[in-house]
Amino acid sequence: MVPDRSRKTELQRNKVHALHMKLHNENYLYWTRLYSSHCQF
């Protein structure tokens, strides 16, 4: 049985990781779009 506190920190860590991945993906899409639009000129 996992203690409640460690489960809570695990959930928090997963949430932070998901947020980080989301930001990373959005940033990647933004720069890719910027780069592709720049290359069209």
PDB file of N, CA and C in Angstrom:
ATOM      1  N   MET A   1       0.842  -1.205   0.000  1.00  0.00           N
ATOM      2  CA  MET A   1       0.000   0.000   0.000  1.00  0.00           C
ATOM      3  C   MET A   1       0.876   1.252   0.000  1.00  0.00           C
ATOM      4  N   VAL A   2       0.624   2.129  -0.939  1.00  0.00           N
ATOM      5  CA  VAL A   2       1.410   3.354  -1.062  1.00  0.00           C
ATOM      6  C   VAL A   2       0.839   4.415  -0.126  1.00  0.00           C
ATOM      7  N   PRO A   3       1.698   5.058   0.662  1.00  0.00           N
ATOM      8  CA  PRO A   3       1.231   6.142   1.527  1.00  0.00           C
ATOM      9  C   PRO A   3       0.601   7.263   0.712  1.00  0.00           C
ATOM     10  N   ASP A   4      -0.364   7.941   1.327  1.00  0.00           N
ATOM     11  CA  ASP A   4      -1.138   8.958   0.618  1.00  0.00           C
ATOM     12  C   ASP A   4      -0.270  10.130   0.163  1.00  0.00           C
ATOM     13  N   ARG A   5       0.707  10.477   0.967  1.00  0.00           N
ATOM     14  CA  ARG A   5       1.561  11.626   0.649  1.00  0.00           C
ATOM     15  C   ARG A   5       2.391  11.372  -0.609  1.00  0.00           C
ATOM     16  N   SER A   6       2.971  10.187  -0.704  1.00  0.00           N
ATOM     17  CA  SER A   6       3.798   9.878  -1.875  1.00  0.00           C
ATOM     18  C   SER A   6       2.937   9.745  -3.131  1.00  0.00           C
ATOM     19  N   ARG A   7       1.711   9.270  -2.967  1.00  0.00           N
ATOM     20  CA  ARG A   7       0.797   9.199  -4.103  1.00  0.00           C
ATOM     21  C   ARG A   7       0.454  10.606  -4.583  1.00  0.00           C
ATOM     22  N   LYS A   8       0.295  11.509  -3.628  1.00  0.00           N
ATOM     23  CA  LYS A   8      -0.028  12.898  -3.953  1.00  0.00           C
ATOM     24  C   LYS A   8       1.129  13.545  -4.729  1.00  0.00           C
ATOM     25  N   THR A   9       2.342  13.344  -4.279  1.00  0.00           N
ATOM     26  CA  THR A   9       3.489  13.919  -4.974  1.00  0.00           C
ATOM     27  C   THR A   9       3.659  13.280  -6.356  1.00  0.00           C
ATOM     28  N   GLU A  10       3.317  12.012  -6.471  1.00  0.00           N
ATOM     29  CA  GLU A  10       3.393  11.323  -7.764  1.00  0.00           C
ATOM     30  C   GLU A  10       2.412  11.941  -8.759  1.00  0.00           C
ATOM     31  N   LEU A  11       1.197  12.203  -8.290  1.00  0.00           N
ATOM     32  CA  LEU A  11       0.196  12.859  -9.126  1.00  0.00           C
ATOM     33  C   LEU A  11       0.646  14.256  -9.533  1.00  0.00           C
ATOM     34  N   GLN A  12       1.226  14.954  -8.579  1.00  0.00           N
ATOM     35  CA  GLN A  12       1.714  16.314  -8.838  1.00  0.00           C
ATOM     36  C   GLN A  12       2.822  16.282  -9.889  1.00  0.00           C
ATOM     37  N   ARG A  13       3.702  15.312  -9.761  1.00  0.00           N
ATOM     38  CA  ARG A  13       4.814  15.174 -10.695  1.00  0.00           C
ATOM     39  C   ARG A  13       4.294  14.862 -12.103  1.00  0.00           C
ATOM     40  N   ASN A  14       3.302  13.983 -12.174  1.00  0.00           N
ATOM     41  CA  ASN A  14       2.706  13.639 -13.469  1.00  0.00           C
ATOM     42  C   ASN A  14       2.046  14.850 -14.106  1.00  0.00           C
ATOM     43  N   LYS A  15       1.369  15.649 -13.275  1.00  0.00           N
ATOM     44  CA  LYS A  15       0.691  16.852 -13.761  1.00  0.00           C
ATOM     45  C   LYS A  15       1.705  17.852 -14.309  1.00  0.00           C
ATOM     46  N   VAL A  16       2.782  18.044 -13.583  1.00  0.00           N
ATOM     47  CA  VAL A  16       3.842  18.957 -14.003  1.00  0.00           C
ATOM     48  C   VAL A  16       4.481  18.460 -15.298  1.00  0.00           C
ATOM     49  N   HIS A  17       4.705  17.153 -15.377  1.00  0.00           N
ATOM     50  CA  HIS A  17       5.302  16.556 -16.568  1.00  0.00           C
ATOM     51  C   HIS A  17       4.389  16.750 -17.785  1.00  0.00           C
ATOM     52  N   ALA A  18       3.086  16.536 -17.572  1.00  0.00           N
ATOM     53  CA  ALA A  18       2.115  16.705 -18.661  1.00  0.00           C
ATOM     54  C   ALA A  18       2.085  18.158 -19.132  1.00  0.00           C
ATOM     55  N   LEU A  19       2.120  19.080 -18.187  1.00  0.00           N
ATOM     56  CA  LEU A  19       2.121  20.503 -18.512  1.00  0.00           C
ATOM     57  C   LEU A  19       3.383  20.869 -19.291  1.00  0.00           C
ATOM     58  N   HIS A  20       4.515  20.329 -18.850  1.00  0.00           N
ATOM     59  CA  HIS A  20       5.794  20.582 -19.510  1.00  0.00           C
ATOM     60  C   HIS A  20       5.775  20.071 -20.956  1.00  0.00           C
ATOM     61  N   MET A  21       5.232  18.870 -21.139  1.00  0.00           N
ATOM     62  CA  MET A  21       5.146  18.294 -22.478  1.00  0.00           C
ATOM     63  C   MET A  21       4.227  19.127 -23.369  1.00  0.00           C
ATOM     64  N   LYS A  22       3.131  19.604 -22.781  1.00  0.00           N
ATOM     65  CA  LYS A  22       2.173  20.428 -23.526  1.00  0.00           C
ATOM     66  C   LYS A  22       2.844  21.721 -23.994  1.00  0.00           C
ATOM     67  N   LEU A  23       3.566  22.364 -23.090  1.00  0.00           N
ATOM     68  CA  LEU A  23       4.266  23.597 -23.431  1.00  0.00           C
ATOM     69  C   LEU A  23       5.325  23.343 -24.493  1.00  0.00           C
ATOM     70  N   HIS A  24       6.036  22.236 -24.335  1.00  0.00           N
ATOM     71  CA  HIS A  24       7.089  21.877 -25.280  1.00  0.00           C
ATOM     72  C   HIS A  24       6.498  21.657 -26.677  1.00  0.00           C
ATOM     73  N   ASN A  25       5.381  20.948 -26.745  1.00  0.00           N
ATOM     74  CA  ASN A  25       4.733  20.678 -28.033  1.00  0.00           C
ATOM     75  C   ASN A  25       4.228  21.956 -28.684  1.00  0.00           C
ATOM     76  N   GLU A  26       3.625  22.834 -27.880  1.00  0.00           N
ATOM     77  CA  GLU A  26       3.122  24.098 -28.409  1.00  0.00           C
ATOM     78  C   GLU A  26       4.274  24.964 -28.915  1.00  0.00           C
ATOM     79  N   ASN A  27       5.359  24.974 -28.158  1.00  0.00           N
ATOM     80  CA  ASN A  27       6.533  25.732 -28.540  1.00  0.00           C
ATOM     81  C   ASN A  27       7.118  25.198 -29.843  1.00  0.00           C
ATOM     82  N   TYR A  28       7.177  23.879 -29.951  1.00  0.00           N
ATOM     83  CA  TYR A  28       7.697  23.220 -31.151  1.00  0.00           C
ATOM     84  C   TYR A  28       6.838  23.556 -32.366  1.00  0.00           C
ATOM     85  N   LEU A  29       5.506  23.472 -32.185  1.00  0.00           N
ATOM     86  CA  LEU A  29       4.592  23.795 -33.285  1.00  0.00           C
ATOM     87  C   LEU A  29       4.741  25.247 -33.704  1.00  0.00           C
ATOM     88  N   TYR A  30       4.875  26.124 -32.710  1.00  0.00           N
ATOM     89  CA  TYR A  30       5.015  27.555 -32.988  1.00  0.00           C
ATOM     90  C   TYR A  30       6.266  27.821 -33.827  1.00  0.00           C
ATOM     91  N   TRP A  31       7.396  27.270 -33.401  1.00  0.00           N
ATOM     92  CA  TRP A  31       8.648  27.508 -34.116  1.00  0.00           C
ATOM     93  C   TRP A  31       8.654  26.853 -35.488  1.00  0.00           C
ATOM     94  N   THR A  32       8.019  25.692 -35.598  1.00  0.00           N
ATOM     95  CA  THR A  32       7.936  25.020 -36.900  1.00  0.00           C
ATOM     96  C   THR A  32       7.117  25.853 -37.873  1.00  0.00           C
ATOM     97  N   ARG A  33       6.003  26.390 -37.375  1.00  0.00           N
ATOM     98  CA  ARG A  33       5.135  27.229 -38.203  1.00  0.00           C
ATOM     99  C   ARG A  33       5.878  28.499 -38.632  1.00  0.00           C
ATOM    100  N   LEU A  34       6.577  29.093 -37.669  1.00  0.00           N
ATOM    101  CA  LEU A  34       7.329  30.316 -37.931  1.00  0.00           C
ATOM    102  C   LEU A  34       8.409  30.055 -38.989  1.00  0.00           C
ATOM    103  N   TYR A  35       9.109  28.947 -38.816  1.00  0.00           N
ATOM    104  CA  TYR A  35      10.193  28.590 -39.730  1.00  0.00           C
ATOM    105  C   TYR A  35       9.665  28.294 -41.133  1.00  0.00           C
ATOM    106  N   SER A  36       8.572  27.545 -41.220  1.00  0.00           N
ATOM    107  CA  SER A  36       8.018  27.193 -42.531  1.00  0.00           C
ATOM    108  C   SER A  36       7.465  28.422 -43.247  1.00  0.00           C
ATOM    109  N   SER A  37       6.850  29.335 -42.498  1.00  0.00           N
ATOM    110  CA  SER A  37       6.328  30.555 -43.120  1.00  0.00           C
ATOM    111  C   SER A  37       7.488  31.461 -43.552  1.00  0.00           C
ATOM    112  N   HIS A  38       8.569  31.421 -42.809  1.00  0.00           N
ATOM    113  CA  HIS A  38       9.744  32.217 -43.135  1.00  0.00           C
ATOM    114  C   HIS A  38      10.411  31.681 -44.407  1.00  0.00           C
ATOM    115  N   CYS A  39      10.405  30.384 -44.576  1.00  0.00           N
ATOM    116  CA  CYS A  39      11.046  29.759 -45.725  1.00  0.00           C
ATOM    117  C   CYS A  39      10.287  29.997 -47.028  1.00  0.00           C
ATOM    118  N   GLN A  40       9.031  30.363 -46.939  1.00  0.00           N
ATOM    119  CA  GLN A  40       8.227  30.556 -48.145  1.00  0.00           C
ATOM    120  C   GLN A  40       8.588  31.841 -48.890  1.00  0.00           C
ATOM    121  N   PHE A  41       9.222  32.769 -48.231  1.00  0.00           N
ATOM    122  CA  PHE A  41       9.565  34.037 -48.870  1.00  0.00           C
ATOM    123  C   PHE A  41      10.711  33.897 -49.872  1.00  0.00           C
TER     124      PHE A  41
END
